[in-house]
Amino acid sequence: MRERDTAWLHLEGKDRPAVVLEVESDLVRVAYGTSEAHEWPRVEVHAETRQGRAFPLTETTHFYGANTQWEQPRALRPGAKPCAWELLFAIRRVVEEYDLRVTPFD
């Protein structure tokens, strides 16, 4: 898997759309989406948009900064197409902002 790839992550009994953010030797960090809307900073992908159809999504999906996970590539089902650059940059931005808030400085 490579950065920007889309995938499906089975988590908490559901298949969730995911975008690969980072790649290590045997792990990938993905941001995964949820159908739950909160007031927190997020990136929305609507089912009827080009990226929504590329996943394909059946409903609006929200990507939050806290919703990332390191996984082995074999735990993911590859998506059909890479993530749009604009979406990747937007998701990275909310993840980086979240990481800065929760990571203590030394």
PDB file of N, CA and C in Angstrom:
ATOM      1  N   MET A   1       0.841  -1.174   0.000  1.00  0.00           N
ATOM      2  CA  MET A   1       0.000   0.000   0.000  1.00  0.00           C
ATOM      3  C   MET A   1       0.890   1.242   0.000  1.00  0.00           C
ATOM      4  N   ARG A   2       0.323   2.322  -0.540  1.00  0.00           N
ATOM      5  CA  ARG A   2       1.055   3.583  -0.618  1.00  0.00           C
ATOM      6  C   ARG A   2       0.209   4.698  -0.022  1.00  0.00           C
ATOM      7  N   GLU A   3       0.892   5.790   0.340  1.00  0.00           N
ATOM      8  CA  GLU A   3       0.157   6.973   0.778  1.00  0.00           C
ATOM      9  C   GLU A   3      -0.850   7.329  -0.300  1.00  0.00           C
ATOM     10  N   ARG A   4      -2.011   7.782   0.144  1.00  0.00           N
ATOM     11  CA  ARG A   4      -3.094   8.225  -0.732  1.00  0.00           C
ATOM     12  C   ARG A   4      -4.002   7.091  -1.194  1.00  0.00           C
ATOM     13  N   ASP A   5      -3.611   5.841  -0.976  1.00  0.00           N
ATOM     14  CA  ASP A   5      -4.491   4.727  -1.343  1.00  0.00           C
ATOM     15  C   ASP A   5      -5.755   4.775  -0.490  1.00  0.00           C
ATOM     16  N   THR A   6      -6.844   4.338  -1.043  1.00  0.00           N
ATOM     17  CA  THR A   6      -8.069   4.164  -0.276  1.00  0.00           C
ATOM     18  C   THR A   6      -8.176   2.687   0.091  1.00  0.00           C
ATOM     19  N   ALA A   7      -8.911   2.427   1.147  1.00  0.00           N
ATOM     20  CA  ALA A   7      -9.069   1.053   1.619  1.00  0.00           C
ATOM     21  C   ALA A   7     -10.333   0.975   2.454  1.00  0.00           C
ATOM     22  N   TRP A   8     -10.648  -0.232   2.861  1.00  0.00           N
ATOM     23  CA  TRP A   8     -11.755  -0.487   3.784  1.00  0.00           C
ATOM     24  C   TRP A   8     -11.188  -1.187   4.999  1.00  0.00           C
ATOM     25  N   LEU A   9     -11.530  -0.670   6.171  1.00  0.00           N
ATOM     26  CA  LEU A   9     -11.061  -1.192   7.447  1.00  0.00           C
ATOM     27  C   LEU A   9     -12.257  -1.752   8.203  1.00  0.00           C
ATOM     28  N   HIS A  10     -12.174  -3.008   8.607  1.00  0.00           N
ATOM     29  CA  HIS A  10     -13.256  -3.596   9.403  1.00  0.00           C
ATOM     30  C   HIS A  10     -12.989  -3.247  10.858  1.00  0.00           C
ATOM     31  N   LEU A  11     -13.868  -2.450  11.447  1.00  0.00           N
ATOM     32  CA  LEU A  11     -13.668  -1.947  12.798  1.00  0.00           C
ATOM     33  C   LEU A  11     -15.014  -1.846  13.496  1.00  0.00           C
ATOM     34  N   GLU A  12     -15.104  -2.397  14.686  1.00  0.00           N
ATOM     35  CA  GLU A  12     -16.320  -2.356  15.494  1.00  0.00           C
ATOM     36  C   GLU A  12     -17.538  -2.871  14.724  1.00  0.00           C
ATOM     37  N   GLY A  13     -17.330  -3.949  13.997  1.00  0.00           N
ATOM     38  CA  GLY A  13     -18.422  -4.602  13.292  1.00  0.00           C
ATOM     39  C   GLY A  13     -18.844  -3.952  11.988  1.00  0.00           C
ATOM     40  N   LYS A  14     -18.102  -2.935  11.533  1.00  0.00           N
ATOM     41  CA  LYS A  14     -18.460  -2.238  10.296  1.00  0.00           C
ATOM     42  C   LYS A  14     -17.250  -2.125   9.384  1.00  0.00           C
ATOM     43  N   ASP A  15     -17.504  -2.097   8.083  1.00  0.00           N
ATOM     44  CA  ASP A  15     -16.461  -1.774   7.119  1.00  0.00           C
ATOM     45  C   ASP A  15     -16.444  -0.261   6.958  1.00  0.00           C
ATOM     46  N   ARG A  16     -15.298   0.347   7.256  1.00  0.00           N
ATOM     47  CA  ARG A  16     -15.184   1.804   7.236  1.00  0.00           C
ATOM     48  C   ARG A  16     -14.233   2.232   6.132  1.00  0.00           C
ATOM     49  N   PRO A  17     -14.586   3.283   5.403  1.00  0.00           N
ATOM     50  CA  PRO A  17     -13.665   3.790   4.383  1.00  0.00           C
ATOM     51  C   PRO A  17     -12.436   4.377   5.058  1.00  0.00           C
ATOM     52  N   ALA A  18     -11.294   4.189   4.433  1.00  0.00           N
ATOM     53  CA  ALA A  18     -10.037   4.656   5.019  1.00  0.00           C
ATOM     54  C   ALA A  18      -9.129   5.214   3.927  1.00  0.00           C
ATOM     55  N   VAL A  19      -8.225   6.089   4.356  1.00  0.00           N
ATOM     56  CA  VAL A  19      -7.230   6.675   3.470  1.00  0.00           C
ATOM     57  C   VAL A  19      -5.867   6.465   4.116  1.00  0.00           C
ATOM     58  N   VAL A  20      -4.904   5.964   3.345  1.00  0.00           N
ATOM     59  CA  VAL A  20      -3.559   5.726   3.862  1.00  0.00           C
ATOM     60  C   VAL A  20      -2.828   7.056   3.981  1.00  0.00           C
ATOM     61  N   LEU A  21      -2.371   7.363   5.212  1.00  0.00           N
ATOM     62  CA  LEU A  21      -1.653   8.607   5.486  1.00  0.00           C
ATOM     63  C   LEU A  21      -0.142   8.416   5.539  1.00  0.00           C
ATOM     64  N   GLU A  22       0.299   7.299   6.107  1.00  0.00           N
ATOM     65  CA  GLU A  22       1.723   7.030   6.276  1.00  0.00           C
ATOM     66  C   GLU A  22       1.983   5.553   6.042  1.00  0.00           C
ATOM     67  N   VAL A  23       3.192   5.252   5.594  1.00  0.00           N
ATOM     68  CA  VAL A  23       3.592   3.871   5.366  1.00  0.00           C
ATOM     69  C   VAL A  23       4.921   3.631   6.075  1.00  0.00           C
ATOM     70  N   GLU A  24       4.962   2.626   6.924  1.00  0.00           N
ATOM     71  CA  GLU A  24       6.195   2.156   7.560  1.00  0.00           C
ATOM     72  C   GLU A  24       6.526   0.811   6.930  1.00  0.00           C
ATOM     73  N   SER A  25       7.558   0.160   7.412  1.00  0.00           N
ATOM     74  CA  SER A  25       8.000  -1.082   6.775  1.00  0.00           C
ATOM     75  C   SER A  25       6.908  -2.147   6.710  1.00  0.00           C
ATOM     76  N   ASP A  26       6.183  -2.357   7.802  1.00  0.00           N
ATOM     77  CA  ASP A  26       5.146  -3.397   7.786  1.00  0.00           C
ATOM     78  C   ASP A  26       3.805  -2.905   8.321  1.00  0.00           C
ATOM     79  N   LEU A  27       3.651  -1.582   8.461  1.00  0.00           N
ATOM     80  CA  LEU A  27       2.408  -0.995   8.949  1.00  0.00           C
ATOM     81  C   LEU A  27       2.035   0.227   8.116  1.00  0.00           C
ATOM     82  N   VAL A  28       0.745   0.497   8.082  1.00  0.00           N
ATOM     83  CA  VAL A  28       0.262   1.728   7.454  1.00  0.00           C
ATOM     84  C   VAL A  28      -0.633   2.455   8.453  1.00  0.00           C
ATOM     85  N   ARG A  29      -0.558   3.786   8.449  1.00  0.00           N
ATOM     86  CA  ARG A  29      -1.470   4.577   9.277  1.00  0.00           C
ATOM     87  C   ARG A  29      -2.599   5.047   8.382  1.00  0.00           C
ATOM     88  N   VAL A  30      -3.807   4.724   8.781  1.00  0.00           N
ATOM     89  CA  VAL A  30      -4.972   5.128   8.004  1.00  0.00           C
ATOM     90  C   VAL A  30      -5.842   6.070   8.828  1.00  0.00           C
ATOM     91  N   ALA A  31      -6.489   6.973   8.128  1.00  0.00           N
ATOM     92  CA  ALA A  31      -7.575   7.755   8.704  1.00  0.00           C
ATOM     93  C   ALA A  31      -8.844   7.061   8.239  1.00  0.00           C
ATOM     94  N   TYR A  32      -9.730   6.765   9.172  1.00  0.00           N
ATOM     95  CA  TYR A  32     -10.954   6.057   8.781  1.00  0.00           C
ATOM     96  C   TYR A  32     -12.166   6.927   9.047  1.00  0.00           C
ATOM     97  N   GLY A  33     -13.177   6.723   8.234  1.00  0.00           N
ATOM     98  CA  GLY A  33     -14.383   7.520   8.310  1.00  0.00           C
ATOM     99  C   GLY A  33     -15.465   6.878   9.142  1.00  0.00           C
ATOM    100  N   THR A  34     -16.414   7.712   9.526  1.00  0.00           N
ATOM    101  CA  THR A  34     -17.576   7.262  10.286  1.00  0.00           C
ATOM    102  C   THR A  34     -18.801   8.035   9.803  1.00  0.00           C
ATOM    103  N   SER A  35     -19.953   7.452   9.989  1.00  0.00           N
ATOM    104  CA  SER A  35     -21.185   8.137   9.599  1.00  0.00           C
ATOM    105  C   SER A  35     -21.678   9.083  10.687  1.00  0.00           C
ATOM    106  N   GLU A  36     -21.066   9.027  11.862  1.00  0.00           N
ATOM    107  CA  GLU A  36     -21.493   9.873  12.983  1.00  0.00           C
ATOM    108  C   GLU A  36     -20.962  11.290  12.839  1.00  0.00           C
ATOM    109  N   ALA A  37     -21.869  12.257  12.905  1.00  0.00           N
ATOM    110  CA  ALA A  37     -21.490  13.669  12.795  1.00  0.00           C
ATOM    111  C   ALA A  37     -21.374  14.285  14.183  1.00  0.00           C
ATOM    112  N   HIS A  38     -20.268  14.954  14.427  1.00  0.00           N
ATOM    113  CA  HIS A  38     -20.026  15.684  15.673  1.00  0.00           C
ATOM    114  C   HIS A  38     -19.615  17.106  15.296  1.00  0.00           C
ATOM    115  N   GLU A  39     -19.545  17.970  16.257  1.00  0.00           N
ATOM    116  CA  GLU A  39     -19.152  19.357  16.022  1.00  0.00           C
ATOM    117  C   GLU A  39     -17.637  19.543  15.975  1.00  0.00           C
ATOM    118  N   TRP A  40     -16.895  18.475  16.094  1.00  0.00           N
ATOM    119  CA  TRP A  40     -15.440  18.551  16.082  1.00  0.00           C
ATOM    120  C   TRP A  40     -14.941  18.874  14.676  1.00  0.00           C
ATOM    121  N   PRO A  41     -13.713  19.383  14.560  1.00  0.00           N
ATOM    122  CA  PRO A  41     -13.141  19.592  13.225  1.00  0.00           C
ATOM    123  C   PRO A  41     -13.137  18.277  12.449  1.00  0.00           C
ATOM    124  N   ARG A  42     -13.574  18.348  11.212  1.00  0.00           N
ATOM    125  CA  ARG A  42     -13.705  17.130  10.410  1.00  0.00           C
ATOM    126  C   ARG A  42     -13.663  17.458   8.936  1.00  0.00           C
ATOM    127  N   VAL A  43     -13.525  16.410   8.149  1.00  0.00           N
ATOM    128  CA  VAL A  43     -13.633  16.493   6.700  1.00  0.00           C
ATOM    129  C   VAL A  43     -14.792  15.598   6.314  1.00  0.00           C
ATOM    130  N   GLU A  44     -15.720  16.140   5.552  1.00  0.00           N
ATOM    131  CA  GLU A  44     -16.884  15.360   5.112  1.00  0.00           C
ATOM    132  C   GLU A  44     -16.717  14.942   3.659  1.00  0.00           C
ATOM    133  N   VAL A  45     -17.127  13.715   3.391  1.00  0.00           N
ATOM    134  CA  VAL A  45     -17.183  13.219   2.017  1.00  0.00           C
ATOM    135  C   VAL A  45     -18.613  12.760   1.785  1.00  0.00           C
ATOM    136  N   HIS A  46     -19.277  13.399   0.855  1.00  0.00           N
ATOM    137  CA  HIS A  46     -20.666  13.070   0.548  1.00  0.00           C
ATOM    138  C   HIS A  46     -20.720  11.954  -0.501  1.00  0.00           C
ATOM    139  N   ALA A  47     -21.685  11.086  -0.349  1.00  0.00           N
ATOM    140  CA  ALA A  47     -21.814   9.922  -1.235  1.00  0.00           C
ATOM    141  C   ALA A  47     -21.958  10.305  -2.697  1.00  0.00           C
ATOM    142  N   GLU A  48     -22.585  11.438  -2.975  1.00  0.00           N
ATOM    143  CA  GLU A  48     -22.846  11.801  -4.369  1.00  0.00           C
ATOM    144  C   GLU A  48     -21.688  12.542  -5.044  1.00  0.00           C
ATOM    145  N   THR A  49     -20.594  12.811  -4.319  1.00  0.00           N
ATOM    146  CA  THR A  49     -19.438  13.481  -4.906  1.00  0.00           C
ATOM    147  C   THR A  49     -18.568  12.476  -5.653  1.00  0.00           C
ATOM    148  N   ARG A  50     -17.623  12.994  -6.418  1.00  0.00           N
ATOM    149  CA  ARG A  50     -16.722  12.113  -7.172  1.00  0.00           C
ATOM    150  C   ARG A  50     -15.966  11.164  -6.233  1.00  0.00           C
ATOM    151  N   GLN A  51     -15.426  11.708  -5.123  1.00  0.00           N
ATOM    152  CA  GLN A  51     -14.709  10.848  -4.188  1.00  0.00           C
ATOM    153  C   GLN A  51     -15.655   9.885  -3.490  1.00  0.00           C
ATOM    154  N   GLY A  52     -16.851  10.340  -3.173  1.00  0.00           N
ATOM    155  CA  GLY A  52     -17.840   9.450  -2.560  1.00  0.00           C
ATOM    156  C   GLY A  52     -18.196   8.284  -3.457  1.00  0.00           C
ATOM    157  N   ARG A  53     -18.338   8.554  -4.746  1.00  0.00           N
ATOM    158  CA  ARG A  53     -18.640   7.476  -5.695  1.00  0.00           C
ATOM    159  C   ARG A  53     -17.426   6.572  -5.902  1.00  0.00           C
ATOM    160  N   ALA A  54     -16.211   7.129  -5.782  1.00  0.00           N
ATOM    161  CA  ALA A  54     -15.001   6.332  -5.983  1.00  0.00           C
ATOM    162  C   ALA A  54     -14.786   5.323  -4.863  1.00  0.00           C
ATOM    163  N   PHE A  55     -15.240   5.631  -3.639  1.00  0.00           N
ATOM    164  CA  PHE A  55     -15.010   4.685  -2.531  1.00  0.00           C
ATOM    165  C   PHE A  55     -15.696   3.331  -2.760  1.00  0.00           C
ATOM    166  N   PRO A  56     -16.930   3.119  -3.019  1.00  0.00           N
ATOM    167  CA  PRO A  56     -18.111   3.969  -3.058  1.00  0.00           C
ATOM    168  C   PRO A  56     -18.775   4.052  -1.674  1.00  0.00           C
ATOM    169  N   LEU A  57     -19.327   5.230  -1.396  1.00  0.00           N
ATOM    170  CA  LEU A  57     -20.028   5.483  -0.136  1.00  0.00           C
ATOM    171  C   LEU A  57     -21.531   5.415  -0.358  1.00  0.00           C
ATOM    172  N   THR A  58     -22.249   5.054   0.694  1.00  0.00           N
ATOM    173  CA  THR A  58     -23.713   5.048   0.633  1.00  0.00           C
ATOM    174  C   THR A  58     -24.306   6.201   1.433  1.00  0.00           C
ATOM    175  N   GLU A  59     -23.455   6.876   2.235  1.00  0.00           N
ATOM    176  CA  GLU A  59     -23.912   8.012   3.033  1.00  0.00           C
ATOM    177  C   GLU A  59     -22.729   8.942   3.286  1.00  0.00           C
ATOM    178  N   THR A  60     -23.006  10.120   3.793  1.00  0.00           N
ATOM    179  CA  THR A  60     -21.943  11.061   4.121  1.00  0.00           C
ATOM    180  C   THR A  60     -21.030  10.452   5.176  1.00  0.00           C
ATOM    181  N   THR A  61     -19.733  10.595   4.950  1.00  0.00           N
ATOM    182  CA  THR A  61     -18.733  10.040   5.856  1.00  0.00           C
ATOM    183  C   THR A  61     -17.879  11.167   6.400  1.00  0.00           C
ATOM    184  N   HIS A  62     -17.555  11.091   7.693  1.00  0.00           N
ATOM    185  CA  HIS A  62     -16.797  12.134   8.386  1.00  0.00           C
ATOM    186  C   HIS A  62     -15.444  11.573   8.809  1.00  0.00           C
ATOM    187  N   PHE A  63     -14.384  12.304   8.494  1.00  0.00           N
ATOM    188  CA  PHE A  63     -13.035  11.948   8.914  1.00  0.00           C
ATOM    189  C   PHE A  63     -12.615  12.935   9.995  1.00  0.00           C
ATOM    190  N   TYR A  64     -12.303  12.412  11.188  1.00  0.00           N
ATOM    191  CA  TYR A  64     -11.888  13.224  12.332  1.00  0.00           C
ATOM    192  C   TYR A  64     -10.405  12.992  12.615  1.00  0.00           C
ATOM    193  N   GLY A  65      -9.773  13.973  13.229  1.00  0.00           N
ATOM    194  CA  GLY A  65      -8.362  13.852  13.560  1.00  0.00           C
ATOM    195  C   GLY A  65      -8.040  12.682  14.461  1.00  0.00           C
ATOM    196  N   ALA A  66      -8.951  12.332  15.344  1.00  0.00           N
ATOM    197  CA  ALA A  66      -8.723  11.235  16.285  1.00  0.00           C
ATOM    198  C   ALA A  66      -8.899   9.859  15.655  1.00  0.00           C
ATOM    199  N   ASN A  67      -9.529   9.797  14.501  1.00  0.00           N
ATOM    200  CA  ASN A  67      -9.856   8.505  13.889  1.00  0.00           C
ATOM    201  C   ASN A  67      -8.751   8.039  12.955  1.00  0.00           C
ATOM    202  N   THR A  68      -7.618   7.678  13.563  1.00  0.00           N
ATOM    203  CA  THR A  68      -6.523   7.071  12.810  1.00  0.00           C
ATOM    204  C   THR A  68      -6.092   5.814  13.531  1.00  0.00           C
ATOM    205  N   GLN A  69      -5.443   4.962  12.780  1.00  0.00           N
ATOM    206  CA  GLN A  69      -5.025   3.692  13.348  1.00  0.00           C
ATOM    207  C   GLN A  69      -3.879   3.136  12.512  1.00  0.00           C
ATOM    208  N   TRP A  70      -2.922   2.484  13.181  1.00  0.00           N
ATOM    209  CA  TRP A  70      -1.862   1.750  12.492  1.00  0.00           C
ATOM    210  C   TRP A  70      -2.350   0.324  12.273  1.00  0.00           C
ATOM    211  N   GLU A  71      -2.223  -0.150  11.046  1.00  0.00           N
ATOM    212  CA  GLU A  71      -2.688  -1.494  10.699  1.00  0.00           C
ATOM    213  C   GLU A  71      -1.668  -2.186   9.807  1.00  0.00           C
ATOM    214  N   GLN A  72      -1.711  -3.494   9.819  1.00  0.00           N
ATOM    215  CA  GLN A  72      -0.953  -4.248   8.826  1.00  0.00           C
ATOM    216  C   GLN A  72      -1.736  -4.178   7.523  1.00  0.00           C
ATOM    217  N   PRO A  73      -1.046  -4.019   6.408  1.00  0.00           N
ATOM    218  CA  PRO A  73      -1.758  -3.895   5.124  1.00  0.00           C
ATOM    219  C   PRO A  73      -2.744  -5.026   4.856  1.00  0.00           C
ATOM    220  N   ARG A  74      -2.431  -6.226   5.308  1.00  0.00           N
ATOM    221  CA  ARG A  74      -3.341  -7.356   5.039  1.00  0.00           C
ATOM    222  C   ARG A  74      -4.660  -7.240   5.801  1.00  0.00           C
ATOM    223  N   ALA A  75      -4.724  -6.356   6.796  1.00  0.00           N
ATOM    224  CA  ALA A  75      -5.966  -6.138   7.549  1.00  0.00           C
ATOM    225  C   ALA A  75      -6.919  -5.206   6.795  1.00  0.00           C
ATOM    226  N   LEU A  76      -6.459  -4.637   5.693  1.00  0.00           N
ATOM    227  CA  LEU A  76      -7.268  -3.690   4.916  1.00  0.00           C
ATOM    228  C   LEU A  76      -7.684  -4.305   3.593  1.00  0.00           C
ATOM    229  N   ARG A  77      -8.874  -3.963   3.161  1.00  0.00           N
ATOM    230  CA  ARG A  77      -9.321  -4.346   1.819  1.00  0.00           C
ATOM    231  C   ARG A  77      -9.063  -3.153   0.913  1.00  0.00           C
ATOM    232  N   PRO A  78      -8.248  -3.312  -0.129  1.00  0.00           N
ATOM    233  CA  PRO A  78      -7.901  -2.170  -0.980  1.00  0.00           C
ATOM    234  C   PRO A  78      -9.129  -1.534  -1.626  1.00  0.00           C
ATOM    235  N   GLY A  79      -9.077  -0.207  -1.752  1.00  0.00           N
ATOM    236  CA  GLY A  79     -10.125   0.532  -2.440  1.00  0.00           C
ATOM    237  C   GLY A  79      -9.900   0.507  -3.941  1.00  0.00           C
ATOM    238  N   ALA A  80     -10.868   1.015  -4.672  1.00  0.00           N
ATOM    239  CA  ALA A  80     -10.813   0.973  -6.127  1.00  0.00           C
ATOM    240  C   ALA A  80      -9.854   2.003  -6.716  1.00  0.00           C
ATOM    241  N   LYS A  81      -9.805   3.195  -6.118  1.00  0.00           N
ATOM    242  CA  LYS A  81      -9.014   4.291  -6.679  1.00  0.00           C
ATOM    243  C   LYS A  81      -8.290   5.026  -5.564  1.00  0.00           C
ATOM    244  N   PRO A  82      -7.199   5.714  -5.902  1.00  0.00           N
ATOM    245  CA  PRO A  82      -6.536   6.537  -4.883  1.00  0.00           C
ATOM    246  C   PRO A  82      -7.434   7.695  -4.452  1.00  0.00           C
ATOM    247  N   CYS A  83      -7.142   8.215  -3.298  1.00  0.00           N
ATOM    248  CA  CYS A  83      -7.846   9.372  -2.757  1.00  0.00           C
ATOM    249  C   CYS A  83      -7.467  10.610  -3.576  1.00  0.00           C
ATOM    250  N   ALA A  84      -8.396  11.511  -3.758  1.00  0.00           N
ATOM    251  CA  ALA A  84      -8.095  12.787  -4.421  1.00  0.00           C
ATOM    252  C   ALA A  84      -7.083  13.555  -3.565  1.00  0.00           C
ATOM    253  N   TRP A  85      -6.169  14.252  -4.215  1.00  0.00           N
ATOM    254  CA  TRP A  85      -5.139  14.996  -3.484  1.00  0.00           C
ATOM    255  C   TRP A  85      -5.748  15.984  -2.498  1.00  0.00           C
ATOM    256  N   GLU A  86      -6.786  16.697  -2.922  1.00  0.00           N
ATOM    257  CA  GLU A  86      -7.401  17.704  -2.048  1.00  0.00           C
ATOM    258  C   GLU A  86      -7.964  17.064  -0.783  1.00  0.00           C
ATOM    259  N   LEU A  87      -8.570  15.901  -0.934  1.00  0.00           N
ATOM    260  CA  LEU A  87      -9.115  15.194   0.226  1.00  0.00           C
ATOM    261  C   LEU A  87      -7.990  14.712   1.130  1.00  0.00           C
ATOM    262  N   LEU A  88      -6.943  14.152   0.562  1.00  0.00           N
ATOM    263  CA  LEU A  88      -5.802  13.701   1.365  1.00  0.00           C
ATOM    264  C   LEU A  88      -5.233  14.856   2.183  1.00  0.00           C
ATOM    265  N   PHE A  89      -5.017  16.010   1.543  1.00  0.00           N
ATOM    266  CA  PHE A  89      -4.456  17.163   2.254  1.00  0.00           C
ATOM    267  C   PHE A  89      -5.394  17.647   3.364  1.00  0.00           C
ATOM    268  N   ALA A  90      -6.689  17.644   3.106  1.00  0.00           N
ATOM    269  CA  ALA A  90      -7.659  18.088   4.116  1.00  0.00           C
ATOM    270  C   ALA A  90      -7.679  17.134   5.311  1.00  0.00           C
ATOM    271  N   ILE A  91      -7.659  15.832   5.055  1.00  0.00           N
ATOM    272  CA  ILE A  91      -7.652  14.853   6.144  1.00  0.00           C
ATOM    273  C   ILE A  91      -6.357  14.973   6.934  1.00  0.00           C
ATOM    274  N   ARG A  92      -5.232  15.092   6.239  1.00  0.00           N
ATOM    275  CA  ARG A  92      -3.953  15.253   6.941  1.00  0.00           C
ATOM    276  C   ARG A  92      -3.975  16.475   7.854  1.00  0.00           C
ATOM    277  N   ARG A  93      -4.579  17.544   7.392  1.00  0.00           N
ATOM    278  CA  ARG A  93      -4.628  18.781   8.179  1.00  0.00           C
ATOM    279  C   ARG A  93      -5.378  18.559   9.496  1.00  0.00           C
ATOM    280  N   VAL A  94      -6.557  17.929   9.463  1.00  0.00           N
ATOM    281  CA  VAL A  94      -7.300  17.709  10.713  1.00  0.00           C
ATOM    282  C   VAL A  94      -6.582  16.703  11.618  1.00  0.00           C
ATOM    283  N   VAL A  95      -5.899  15.725  11.030  1.00  0.00           N
ATOM    284  CA  VAL A  95      -5.144  14.751  11.831  1.00  0.00           C
ATOM    285  C   VAL A  95      -3.948  15.435  12.488  1.00  0.00           C
ATOM    286  N   GLU A  96      -3.220  16.242  11.739  1.00  0.00           N
ATOM    287  CA  GLU A  96      -2.061  16.943  12.298  1.00  0.00           C
ATOM    288  C   GLU A  96      -2.481  17.912  13.398  1.00  0.00           C
ATOM    289  N   GLU A  97      -3.578  18.628  13.195  1.00  0.00           N
ATOM    290  CA  GLU A  97      -4.070  19.539  14.231  1.00  0.00           C
ATOM    291  C   GLU A  97      -4.449  18.767  15.494  1.00  0.00           C
ATOM    292  N   TYR A  98      -5.084  17.638  15.327  1.00  0.00           N
ATOM    293  CA  TYR A  98      -5.446  16.805  16.478  1.00  0.00           C
ATOM    294  C   TYR A  98      -4.183  16.293  17.172  1.00  0.00           C
ATOM    295  N   ASP A  99      -3.241  15.772  16.391  1.00  0.00           N
ATOM    296  CA  ASP A  99      -2.006  15.239  16.968  1.00  0.00           C
ATOM    297  C   ASP A  99      -1.266  16.303  17.771  1.00  0.00           C
ATOM    298  N   LEU A 100      -1.254  17.540  17.294  1.00  0.00           N
ATOM    299  CA  LEU A 100      -0.580  18.624  18.012  1.00  0.00           C
ATOM    300  C   LEU A 100      -1.249  18.919  19.340  1.00  0.00           C
ATOM    301  N   ARG A 101      -2.578  18.791  19.388  1.00  0.00           N
ATOM    302  CA  ARG A 101      -3.315  19.056  20.629  1.00  0.00           C
ATOM    303  C   ARG A 101      -3.111  17.972  21.678  1.00  0.00           C
ATOM    304  N   VAL A 102      -2.942  16.734  21.256  1.00  0.00           N
ATOM    305  CA  VAL A 102      -2.873  15.643  22.227  1.00  0.00           C
ATOM    306  C   VAL A 102      -1.450  15.160  22.507  1.00  0.00           C
ATOM    307  N   THR A 103      -0.478  15.594  21.741  1.00  0.00           N
ATOM    308  CA  THR A 103       0.901  15.170  21.939  1.00  0.00           C
ATOM    309  C   THR A 103       1.620  16.199  22.807  1.00  0.00           C
ATOM    310  N   PRO A 104       2.051  15.799  23.984  1.00  0.00           N
ATOM    311  CA  PRO A 104       2.748  16.747  24.855  1.00  0.00           C
ATOM    312  C   PRO A 104       4.126  17.093  24.300  1.00  0.00           C
ATOM    313  N   PHE A 105       4.533  18.319  24.535  1.00  0.00           N
ATOM    314  CA  PHE A 105       5.866  18.756  24.114  1.00  0.00           C
ATOM    315  C   PHE A 105       6.866  18.412  25.200  1.00  0.00           C
ATOM    316  N   ASP A 106       8.055  17.999  24.804  1.00  0.00           N
ATOM    317  CA  ASP A 106       9.115  17.685  25.776  1.00  0.00           C
ATOM    318  C   ASP A 106       9.882  18.923  26.161  1.00  0.00           C
TER     319      ASP A 106
END
